[in-house]
Amino acid sequence: MAEDEGVVVVNTHVPFEGNLPSTDLSIPYDEIGRSLDRLPGDKSARIAVYCKSGRMSAEAAGELVALGYEDVVDLEGGMDAWQRAGLPLEGA
C-alpha cells in the first residue's frame, strides 16, 4: 500500500530509528495535531501511519480521525513486524 499513488506514509516514531521505504513524512506521534500544515488538506486523503511497535502510531491515527481524516491506516506491529518479515529499513 505504501507504494500506491496518493497514499501519504508517515513515520510517527520518536526517537528516529529508521524509515520504511516510501515514507513521505516523519512527524512525532505527539505532534501530529500541530502538524496539519504538513499533511494533506483533503480530509479524504489516504494516510498510512507507523512507528516501531504500533503504540505511537495508534495514538497518531486516533488523533487524525478525531481531526476529521476519513481514511487513516495504521501499520499493525510497526517497524518491528516489518523487520520480522525480513524487510529492510532505510536510514537506520
N, C-alpha and C. Protein backbone atom coordinates (compact mmCIF):
# COMPACT_ATOMS: atom_id res chain seq x y z
N MET A 1 0.82 -1.20 0.00
CA MET A 1 0.00 0.00 0.00
C MET A 1 0.86 1.25 0.00
N ALA A 2 2.03 1.19 0.66
CA ALA A 2 2.89 2.37 0.74
C ALA A 2 3.32 2.85 -0.63
N GLU A 3 3.37 1.95 -1.60
CA GLU A 3 3.79 2.33 -2.94
C GLU A 3 2.62 2.79 -3.81
N ASP A 4 1.39 2.68 -3.31
CA ASP A 4 0.23 3.15 -4.06
C ASP A 4 0.30 4.67 -4.18
N GLU A 5 0.01 5.16 -5.37
CA GLU A 5 -0.03 6.60 -5.57
C GLU A 5 -1.15 7.20 -4.73
N GLY A 6 -0.88 8.32 -4.13
CA GLY A 6 -1.91 9.00 -3.36
C GLY A 6 -1.92 8.66 -1.89
N VAL A 7 -1.14 7.67 -1.46
CA VAL A 7 -1.06 7.33 -0.04
C VAL A 7 0.09 8.12 0.57
N VAL A 8 -0.20 8.85 1.64
CA VAL A 8 0.83 9.59 2.36
C VAL A 8 1.27 8.71 3.53
N VAL A 9 2.55 8.30 3.53
CA VAL A 9 3.08 7.41 4.56
C VAL A 9 3.85 8.25 5.57
N VAL A 10 3.46 8.11 6.86
CA VAL A 10 4.01 8.95 7.92
C VAL A 10 4.62 8.08 9.02
N ASN A 11 5.90 8.32 9.30
CA ASN A 11 6.59 7.69 10.42
C ASN A 11 6.32 8.56 11.65
N THR A 12 5.71 7.99 12.68
CA THR A 12 5.35 8.76 13.88
C THR A 12 6.24 8.42 15.07
N HIS A 13 7.27 7.59 14.86
CA HIS A 13 8.08 7.12 15.98
C HIS A 13 9.10 8.17 16.44
N VAL A 14 9.27 8.28 17.73
CA VAL A 14 10.33 9.08 18.33
C VAL A 14 11.00 8.23 19.41
N PRO A 15 12.32 8.23 19.46
CA PRO A 15 13.25 8.91 18.57
C PRO A 15 13.35 8.18 17.23
N PHE A 16 13.94 8.85 16.25
CA PHE A 16 14.07 8.27 14.92
C PHE A 16 14.89 6.99 14.98
N GLU A 17 14.36 5.92 14.37
CA GLU A 17 15.08 4.64 14.32
C GLU A 17 15.05 4.05 12.91
N GLY A 18 14.77 4.88 11.92
CA GLY A 18 14.73 4.43 10.54
C GLY A 18 13.34 4.63 9.95
N ASN A 19 13.27 4.46 8.63
CA ASN A 19 12.01 4.61 7.89
C ASN A 19 11.72 3.35 7.10
N LEU A 20 10.45 3.10 6.87
CA LEU A 20 10.06 2.12 5.87
C LEU A 20 10.29 2.74 4.51
N PRO A 21 10.62 1.95 3.49
CA PRO A 21 10.71 2.52 2.15
C PRO A 21 9.38 3.20 1.80
N SER A 22 9.44 4.23 1.01
CA SER A 22 8.27 5.01 0.56
C SER A 22 7.69 5.92 1.63
N THR A 23 8.41 6.14 2.74
CA THR A 23 7.95 7.08 3.76
C THR A 23 7.99 8.49 3.20
N ASP A 24 6.89 9.21 3.37
CA ASP A 24 6.81 10.59 2.88
C ASP A 24 7.18 11.61 3.94
N LEU A 25 6.78 11.36 5.19
CA LEU A 25 6.95 12.33 6.27
C LEU A 25 7.36 11.64 7.57
N SER A 26 8.08 12.36 8.39
CA SER A 26 8.32 11.94 9.78
C SER A 26 7.74 13.02 10.67
N ILE A 27 6.69 12.66 11.41
CA ILE A 27 6.04 13.58 12.34
C ILE A 27 5.86 12.84 13.65
N PRO A 28 6.48 13.30 14.74
CA PRO A 28 6.30 12.62 16.02
C PRO A 28 4.83 12.46 16.37
N TYR A 29 4.49 11.30 16.92
CA TYR A 29 3.10 10.98 17.23
C TYR A 29 2.42 12.04 18.07
N ASP A 30 3.17 12.64 19.00
CA ASP A 30 2.57 13.62 19.90
C ASP A 30 2.55 15.04 19.31
N GLU A 31 2.97 15.18 18.06
CA GLU A 31 2.92 16.48 17.37
C GLU A 31 2.01 16.44 16.15
N ILE A 32 1.36 15.32 15.91
CA ILE A 32 0.57 15.16 14.69
C ILE A 32 -0.53 16.21 14.56
N GLY A 33 -1.18 16.54 15.65
CA GLY A 33 -2.25 17.53 15.63
C GLY A 33 -1.77 18.94 15.38
N ARG A 34 -0.50 19.19 15.66
CA ARG A 34 0.09 20.52 15.43
C ARG A 34 0.83 20.59 14.10
N SER A 35 0.75 19.53 13.31
CA SER A 35 1.50 19.47 12.05
C SER A 35 0.59 19.33 10.84
N LEU A 36 -0.64 19.81 10.96
CA LEU A 36 -1.60 19.66 9.88
C LEU A 36 -1.15 20.34 8.60
N ASP A 37 -0.30 21.36 8.71
CA ASP A 37 0.20 22.04 7.52
C ASP A 37 1.10 21.13 6.68
N ARG A 38 1.58 20.05 7.25
CA ARG A 38 2.42 19.10 6.52
C ARG A 38 1.62 17.94 5.93
N LEU A 39 0.38 17.80 6.37
CA LEU A 39 -0.50 16.70 5.93
C LEU A 39 -1.43 17.19 4.83
N PRO A 40 -2.03 16.26 4.07
CA PRO A 40 -2.96 16.68 3.03
C PRO A 40 -4.10 17.52 3.59
N GLY A 41 -4.48 18.56 2.86
CA GLY A 41 -5.62 19.37 3.25
C GLY A 41 -6.94 18.65 3.02
N ASP A 42 -6.93 17.69 2.11
CA ASP A 42 -8.11 16.90 1.78
C ASP A 42 -8.31 15.82 2.85
N LYS A 43 -9.36 15.95 3.64
CA LYS A 43 -9.61 15.02 4.75
C LYS A 43 -9.95 13.61 4.28
N SER A 44 -10.20 13.42 2.97
CA SER A 44 -10.47 12.07 2.47
C SER A 44 -9.21 11.40 1.92
N ALA A 45 -8.07 12.09 1.99
CA ALA A 45 -6.81 11.50 1.51
C ALA A 45 -6.44 10.30 2.37
N ARG A 46 -5.85 9.29 1.75
CA ARG A 46 -5.41 8.11 2.50
C ARG A 46 -4.07 8.41 3.16
N ILE A 47 -4.02 8.19 4.47
CA ILE A 47 -2.80 8.40 5.25
C ILE A 47 -2.49 7.09 5.96
N ALA A 48 -1.25 6.60 5.80
CA ALA A 48 -0.79 5.40 6.49
C ALA A 48 0.25 5.83 7.51
N VAL A 49 0.05 5.46 8.77
CA VAL A 49 0.98 5.82 9.84
C VAL A 49 1.63 4.56 10.41
N TYR A 50 2.85 4.73 10.91
CA TYR A 50 3.53 3.62 11.57
C TYR A 50 4.53 4.17 12.58
N CYS A 51 4.96 3.30 13.48
CA CYS A 51 6.03 3.61 14.44
C CYS A 51 6.82 2.32 14.62
N LYS A 52 7.53 2.20 15.72
CA LYS A 52 8.35 1.00 15.93
C LYS A 52 7.49 -0.22 16.26
N SER A 53 6.58 -0.08 17.21
CA SER A 53 5.80 -1.25 17.66
C SER A 53 4.31 -1.14 17.37
N GLY A 54 3.82 0.06 17.16
CA GLY A 54 2.40 0.26 16.88
C GLY A 54 1.69 1.14 17.90
N ARG A 55 2.26 1.34 19.07
CA ARG A 55 1.61 2.14 20.11
C ARG A 55 1.52 3.62 19.74
N MET A 56 2.63 4.19 19.32
CA MET A 56 2.64 5.62 18.98
C MET A 56 1.80 5.91 17.75
N SER A 57 1.89 5.04 16.74
CA SER A 57 1.11 5.27 15.52
C SER A 57 -0.39 5.09 15.78
N ALA A 58 -0.76 4.21 16.70
CA ALA A 58 -2.18 4.06 17.05
C ALA A 58 -2.71 5.36 17.65
N GLU A 59 -1.90 5.98 18.49
CA GLU A 59 -2.30 7.26 19.08
C GLU A 59 -2.41 8.35 18.01
N ALA A 60 -1.44 8.37 17.08
CA ALA A 60 -1.47 9.35 16.00
C ALA A 60 -2.67 9.12 15.08
N ALA A 61 -2.96 7.86 14.77
CA ALA A 61 -4.11 7.54 13.92
C ALA A 61 -5.41 8.01 14.57
N GLY A 62 -5.55 7.78 15.86
CA GLY A 62 -6.74 8.24 16.58
C GLY A 62 -6.89 9.74 16.54
N GLU A 63 -5.77 10.43 16.67
CA GLU A 63 -5.79 11.90 16.61
C GLU A 63 -6.21 12.37 15.22
N LEU A 64 -5.69 11.73 14.18
CA LEU A 64 -6.06 12.12 12.82
C LEU A 64 -7.54 11.90 12.56
N VAL A 65 -8.08 10.79 13.02
CA VAL A 65 -9.51 10.52 12.86
C VAL A 65 -10.32 11.57 13.62
N ALA A 66 -9.89 11.91 14.83
CA ALA A 66 -10.58 12.92 15.62
C ALA A 66 -10.55 14.29 14.93
N LEU A 67 -9.51 14.53 14.13
CA LEU A 67 -9.38 15.79 13.40
C LEU A 67 -10.14 15.77 12.08
N GLY A 68 -10.81 14.66 11.78
CA GLY A 68 -11.66 14.60 10.60
C GLY A 68 -11.12 13.83 9.42
N TYR A 69 -9.92 13.28 9.52
CA TYR A 69 -9.40 12.46 8.42
C TYR A 69 -10.20 11.17 8.34
N GLU A 70 -10.59 10.81 7.13
CA GLU A 70 -11.54 9.72 6.93
C GLU A 70 -10.90 8.39 6.53
N ASP A 71 -9.65 8.40 6.06
CA ASP A 71 -9.02 7.19 5.53
C ASP A 71 -7.62 7.04 6.12
N VAL A 72 -7.57 6.66 7.40
CA VAL A 72 -6.30 6.53 8.11
C VAL A 72 -6.06 5.05 8.38
N VAL A 73 -4.86 4.59 8.02
CA VAL A 73 -4.48 3.20 8.22
C VAL A 73 -3.25 3.17 9.12
N ASP A 74 -3.23 2.26 10.08
CA ASP A 74 -2.11 2.09 10.99
C ASP A 74 -1.44 0.75 10.70
N LEU A 75 -0.13 0.75 10.46
CA LEU A 75 0.60 -0.48 10.19
C LEU A 75 0.67 -1.32 11.47
N GLU A 76 -0.05 -2.41 11.49
CA GLU A 76 -0.10 -3.28 12.66
C GLU A 76 1.29 -3.85 12.95
N GLY A 77 1.77 -3.66 14.16
CA GLY A 77 3.07 -4.19 14.56
C GLY A 77 4.24 -3.31 14.21
N GLY A 78 4.01 -2.25 13.44
CA GLY A 78 5.02 -1.25 13.12
C GLY A 78 6.28 -1.78 12.46
N MET A 79 7.38 -1.06 12.69
CA MET A 79 8.67 -1.42 12.10
C MET A 79 9.15 -2.77 12.62
N ASP A 80 8.78 -3.12 13.84
CA ASP A 80 9.19 -4.43 14.37
C ASP A 80 8.62 -5.55 13.52
N ALA A 81 7.34 -5.49 13.18
CA ALA A 81 6.71 -6.50 12.34
C ALA A 81 7.32 -6.49 10.93
N TRP A 82 7.60 -5.30 10.43
CA TRP A 82 8.21 -5.15 9.11
C TRP A 82 9.54 -5.90 9.06
N GLN A 83 10.38 -5.68 10.09
CA GLN A 83 11.69 -6.32 10.13
C GLN A 83 11.56 -7.84 10.36
N ARG A 84 10.61 -8.27 11.17
CA ARG A 84 10.39 -9.72 11.37
C ARG A 84 10.03 -10.40 10.07
N ALA A 85 9.39 -9.65 9.16
CA ALA A 85 9.04 -10.19 7.85
C ALA A 85 10.24 -10.20 6.90
N GLY A 86 11.40 -9.75 7.39
CA GLY A 86 12.61 -9.76 6.59
C GLY A 86 12.75 -8.59 5.66
N LEU A 87 11.99 -7.53 5.91
CA LEU A 87 12.03 -6.35 5.05
C LEU A 87 12.95 -5.29 5.66
N PRO A 88 13.61 -4.50 4.82
CA PRO A 88 14.62 -3.55 5.30
C PRO A 88 14.03 -2.21 5.73
N LEU A 89 14.75 -1.55 6.62
CA LEU A 89 14.50 -0.16 6.97
C LEU A 89 15.51 0.71 6.25
N GLU A 90 15.19 1.97 6.05
CA GLU A 90 16.10 2.93 5.44
C GLU A 90 16.58 3.90 6.50
N GLY A 91 17.86 4.25 6.44
CA GLY A 91 18.41 5.27 7.32
C GLY A 91 18.52 4.87 8.78
N ALA A 92 18.44 3.59 9.08
CA ALA A 92 18.52 3.13 10.48
C ALA A 92 19.94 3.07 10.95
